[in-house]
N, C-alpha and C. Protein backbone atom coordinates (compact mmCIF):
# COMPACT_ATOMS: atom_id res chain seq x y z
N MET A 1 -10.50 4.19 -5.01
CA MET A 1 -10.61 4.50 -6.42
C MET A 1 -9.21 4.56 -7.02
N ARG A 2 -9.03 3.88 -8.13
CA ARG A 2 -7.73 3.96 -8.78
C ARG A 2 -7.90 4.31 -10.24
N GLU A 3 -6.96 5.07 -10.77
CA GLU A 3 -6.98 5.47 -12.17
C GLU A 3 -6.47 4.31 -13.01
N LEU A 4 -7.18 3.97 -14.10
CA LEU A 4 -6.78 2.86 -14.94
C LEU A 4 -5.86 3.29 -16.08
N GLU A 5 -6.20 4.34 -16.76
CA GLU A 5 -5.44 4.84 -17.89
C GLU A 5 -5.23 6.34 -17.70
N PRO A 6 -4.25 6.91 -18.39
CA PRO A 6 -4.10 8.37 -18.30
C PRO A 6 -5.35 9.05 -18.88
N PRO A 7 -5.72 10.22 -18.36
CA PRO A 7 -6.87 10.94 -18.90
C PRO A 7 -6.66 11.26 -20.39
N PHE A 8 -7.76 11.41 -21.10
CA PHE A 8 -7.70 11.74 -22.53
C PHE A 8 -8.79 12.75 -22.86
N ASN A 9 -8.63 13.42 -23.99
CA ASN A 9 -9.58 14.45 -24.42
C ASN A 9 -10.36 13.95 -25.63
N LEU A 10 -11.62 14.35 -25.70
CA LEU A 10 -12.50 14.05 -26.83
C LEU A 10 -13.24 15.31 -27.22
N HIS A 11 -13.69 15.36 -28.47
CA HIS A 11 -14.51 16.48 -28.95
C HIS A 11 -15.98 16.12 -28.82
N LEU A 12 -16.75 17.04 -28.28
CA LEU A 12 -18.19 16.86 -28.14
C LEU A 12 -18.86 18.16 -28.54
N GLU A 13 -19.57 18.12 -29.64
CA GLU A 13 -20.33 19.28 -30.12
C GLU A 13 -19.47 20.55 -30.16
N GLY A 14 -18.28 20.44 -30.73
CA GLY A 14 -17.39 21.59 -30.88
C GLY A 14 -16.60 21.97 -29.65
N ASN A 15 -16.77 21.25 -28.56
CA ASN A 15 -16.04 21.53 -27.33
C ASN A 15 -15.15 20.35 -26.96
N MET A 16 -14.09 20.63 -26.24
CA MET A 16 -13.19 19.59 -25.76
C MET A 16 -13.65 19.15 -24.37
N ILE A 17 -13.75 17.83 -24.17
CA ILE A 17 -14.06 17.29 -22.84
C ILE A 17 -12.90 16.40 -22.41
N ARG A 18 -12.68 16.32 -21.12
CA ARG A 18 -11.58 15.51 -20.57
C ARG A 18 -12.20 14.31 -19.87
N ILE A 19 -11.69 13.12 -20.20
CA ILE A 19 -12.19 11.87 -19.64
C ILE A 19 -11.10 11.23 -18.79
N ALA A 20 -11.45 10.85 -17.58
CA ALA A 20 -10.55 10.10 -16.71
C ALA A 20 -11.23 8.78 -16.36
N GLU A 21 -10.53 7.68 -16.57
CA GLU A 21 -11.07 6.34 -16.30
C GLU A 21 -10.59 5.89 -14.93
N HIS A 22 -11.51 5.35 -14.12
CA HIS A 22 -11.18 4.89 -12.77
C HIS A 22 -11.84 3.55 -12.50
N GLU A 23 -11.36 2.91 -11.45
CA GLU A 23 -12.03 1.71 -10.95
C GLU A 23 -12.54 2.01 -9.54
N VAL A 24 -13.81 1.80 -9.32
CA VAL A 24 -14.44 2.03 -8.02
C VAL A 24 -15.16 0.75 -7.62
N GLN A 25 -14.73 0.15 -6.55
CA GLN A 25 -15.31 -1.10 -6.06
C GLN A 25 -15.43 -2.14 -7.17
N GLY A 26 -14.37 -2.27 -7.95
CA GLY A 26 -14.31 -3.27 -9.01
C GLY A 26 -15.08 -2.91 -10.26
N LYS A 27 -15.63 -1.70 -10.33
CA LYS A 27 -16.42 -1.27 -11.49
C LYS A 27 -15.68 -0.16 -12.22
N ARG A 28 -15.66 -0.23 -13.54
CA ARG A 28 -15.01 0.76 -14.38
C ARG A 28 -15.95 1.95 -14.56
N VAL A 29 -15.47 3.15 -14.21
CA VAL A 29 -16.27 4.37 -14.36
C VAL A 29 -15.42 5.42 -15.08
N PHE A 30 -16.12 6.37 -15.68
CA PHE A 30 -15.45 7.45 -16.42
C PHE A 30 -15.95 8.79 -15.89
N HIS A 31 -15.01 9.64 -15.50
CA HIS A 31 -15.32 10.98 -15.02
C HIS A 31 -15.15 11.93 -16.20
N VAL A 32 -16.20 12.66 -16.50
CA VAL A 32 -16.21 13.58 -17.64
C VAL A 32 -16.17 15.01 -17.13
N ASP A 33 -15.13 15.75 -17.54
CA ASP A 33 -14.99 17.16 -17.18
C ASP A 33 -15.25 17.98 -18.45
N PHE A 34 -16.26 18.82 -18.42
CA PHE A 34 -16.65 19.58 -19.59
C PHE A 34 -15.82 20.84 -19.79
N LYS A 35 -14.98 21.19 -18.85
CA LYS A 35 -14.10 22.37 -18.93
C LYS A 35 -14.88 23.66 -19.14
N ASN A 36 -16.12 23.72 -18.68
CA ASN A 36 -16.90 24.95 -18.73
C ASN A 36 -17.84 24.96 -17.53
N GLU A 37 -18.93 25.68 -17.64
CA GLU A 37 -19.84 25.82 -16.49
C GLU A 37 -20.67 24.57 -16.23
N LYS A 38 -20.69 23.63 -17.17
CA LYS A 38 -21.48 22.41 -17.02
C LYS A 38 -20.87 21.52 -15.93
N LYS A 39 -21.75 20.95 -15.09
CA LYS A 39 -21.27 20.09 -13.99
C LYS A 39 -20.61 18.83 -14.54
N PRO A 40 -19.55 18.34 -13.88
CA PRO A 40 -18.92 17.08 -14.30
C PRO A 40 -19.93 15.94 -14.28
N LEU A 41 -19.61 14.88 -14.99
CA LEU A 41 -20.49 13.74 -15.13
C LEU A 41 -19.69 12.46 -14.90
N VAL A 42 -20.27 11.50 -14.22
CA VAL A 42 -19.66 10.18 -14.05
C VAL A 42 -20.56 9.19 -14.78
N ILE A 43 -19.96 8.38 -15.66
CA ILE A 43 -20.73 7.39 -16.40
C ILE A 43 -20.07 6.02 -16.29
N THR A 44 -20.88 4.99 -16.53
CA THR A 44 -20.40 3.62 -16.50
C THR A 44 -21.28 2.78 -17.42
N VAL A 45 -20.86 1.56 -17.65
CA VAL A 45 -21.64 0.64 -18.46
C VAL A 45 -22.50 -0.20 -17.52
N GLY A 46 -23.80 -0.24 -17.80
CA GLY A 46 -24.72 -1.07 -17.04
C GLY A 46 -25.13 -2.27 -17.87
N ILE A 47 -25.72 -3.25 -17.22
CA ILE A 47 -26.23 -4.45 -17.89
C ILE A 47 -27.74 -4.46 -17.72
N GLY A 48 -28.46 -4.46 -18.84
CA GLY A 48 -29.91 -4.42 -18.79
C GLY A 48 -30.52 -5.79 -19.06
N LEU A 49 -31.76 -5.75 -19.51
CA LEU A 49 -32.47 -6.98 -19.85
C LEU A 49 -31.72 -7.74 -20.93
N LYS A 50 -31.77 -9.04 -20.84
CA LYS A 50 -31.11 -9.93 -21.80
C LYS A 50 -29.62 -9.64 -21.90
N ASP A 51 -29.04 -9.19 -20.79
CA ASP A 51 -27.61 -8.91 -20.70
C ASP A 51 -27.10 -7.88 -21.71
N LEU A 52 -27.97 -6.96 -22.14
CA LEU A 52 -27.56 -5.91 -23.06
C LEU A 52 -26.86 -4.80 -22.28
N LYS A 53 -25.71 -4.36 -22.79
CA LYS A 53 -24.95 -3.30 -22.14
C LYS A 53 -25.48 -1.93 -22.58
N PHE A 54 -25.41 -0.97 -21.67
CA PHE A 54 -25.80 0.40 -21.97
C PHE A 54 -25.00 1.36 -21.09
N TRP A 55 -24.84 2.59 -21.57
CA TRP A 55 -24.16 3.63 -20.80
C TRP A 55 -25.16 4.32 -19.91
N THR A 56 -24.75 4.61 -18.67
CA THR A 56 -25.63 5.28 -17.72
C THR A 56 -24.83 6.25 -16.85
N SER A 57 -25.51 7.26 -16.36
CA SER A 57 -24.86 8.23 -15.47
C SER A 57 -24.96 7.75 -14.02
N VAL A 58 -24.01 8.19 -13.22
CA VAL A 58 -23.99 7.88 -11.79
C VAL A 58 -23.88 9.20 -11.04
N PRO A 59 -24.89 9.61 -10.29
CA PRO A 59 -26.19 8.96 -10.15
C PRO A 59 -26.99 9.14 -11.44
N GLN A 60 -28.10 8.42 -11.51
CA GLN A 60 -28.94 8.49 -12.71
C GLN A 60 -29.52 9.89 -12.87
N GLY A 61 -29.95 10.17 -14.10
CA GLY A 61 -30.59 11.46 -14.34
C GLY A 61 -30.03 12.20 -15.54
N ARG A 62 -28.87 11.76 -16.03
CA ARG A 62 -28.26 12.41 -17.19
C ARG A 62 -28.02 11.36 -18.27
N GLN A 63 -29.05 10.55 -18.50
CA GLN A 63 -28.95 9.40 -19.39
C GLN A 63 -28.56 9.77 -20.81
N ALA A 64 -29.18 10.80 -21.37
CA ALA A 64 -28.89 11.19 -22.75
C ALA A 64 -27.42 11.54 -22.92
N GLU A 65 -26.87 12.31 -21.98
CA GLU A 65 -25.44 12.66 -22.03
C GLU A 65 -24.58 11.42 -21.88
N ALA A 66 -24.95 10.53 -20.97
CA ALA A 66 -24.18 9.31 -20.74
C ALA A 66 -24.10 8.48 -22.01
N GLU A 67 -25.21 8.32 -22.71
CA GLU A 67 -25.22 7.53 -23.93
C GLU A 67 -24.39 8.18 -25.02
N GLN A 68 -24.52 9.48 -25.19
CA GLN A 68 -23.78 10.20 -26.21
C GLN A 68 -22.27 10.13 -25.96
N ILE A 69 -21.86 10.44 -24.75
CA ILE A 69 -20.43 10.45 -24.42
C ILE A 69 -19.89 9.02 -24.34
N GLY A 70 -20.69 8.09 -23.84
CA GLY A 70 -20.26 6.70 -23.78
C GLY A 70 -19.89 6.15 -25.15
N LYS A 71 -20.66 6.51 -26.17
CA LYS A 71 -20.34 6.07 -27.54
C LYS A 71 -19.00 6.63 -27.99
N LEU A 72 -18.73 7.88 -27.66
CA LEU A 72 -17.44 8.49 -28.01
C LEU A 72 -16.29 7.78 -27.30
N ILE A 73 -16.49 7.46 -26.03
CA ILE A 73 -15.46 6.75 -25.26
C ILE A 73 -15.21 5.38 -25.87
N ALA A 74 -16.27 4.65 -26.19
CA ALA A 74 -16.12 3.31 -26.77
C ALA A 74 -15.36 3.38 -28.10
N GLU A 75 -15.68 4.36 -28.94
CA GLU A 75 -14.96 4.53 -30.21
C GLU A 75 -13.50 4.82 -29.97
N TYR A 76 -13.21 5.68 -29.01
CA TYR A 76 -11.83 6.03 -28.68
C TYR A 76 -11.06 4.79 -28.23
N ILE A 77 -11.65 4.01 -27.34
CA ILE A 77 -10.97 2.82 -26.81
C ILE A 77 -10.77 1.78 -27.91
N ARG A 78 -11.78 1.56 -28.73
CA ARG A 78 -11.64 0.61 -29.85
C ARG A 78 -10.54 1.05 -30.80
N GLY A 79 -10.48 2.34 -31.12
CA GLY A 79 -9.45 2.88 -32.01
C GLY A 79 -8.06 2.75 -31.42
N LYS A 80 -7.96 2.89 -30.12
CA LYS A 80 -6.67 2.80 -29.44
C LYS A 80 -6.17 1.35 -29.41
N ASN A 81 -7.08 0.39 -29.38
CA ASN A 81 -6.70 -1.02 -29.27
C ASN A 81 -6.40 -1.66 -30.63
N LYS A 82 -6.49 -0.92 -31.71
CA LYS A 82 -6.22 -1.49 -33.04
C LYS A 82 -4.75 -1.60 -33.30
């Protein structure tokens, strides 16, 4: 596993979360640290039907959080690349 970019912070529902981007077996993943009692989360982009991309948790089971945080990460990355 290698880190791709320095970790960054985002706001989620009034709380600060820390995101670290890594590469694992050629796949880009994001480790989410909630900085509270909530368990950390690992998310990545999956490819669904008709090659549509979606955010998913690894392991599966926290899909709603993955989608919500994934959108924040995508906005952050798009804003950084402008």
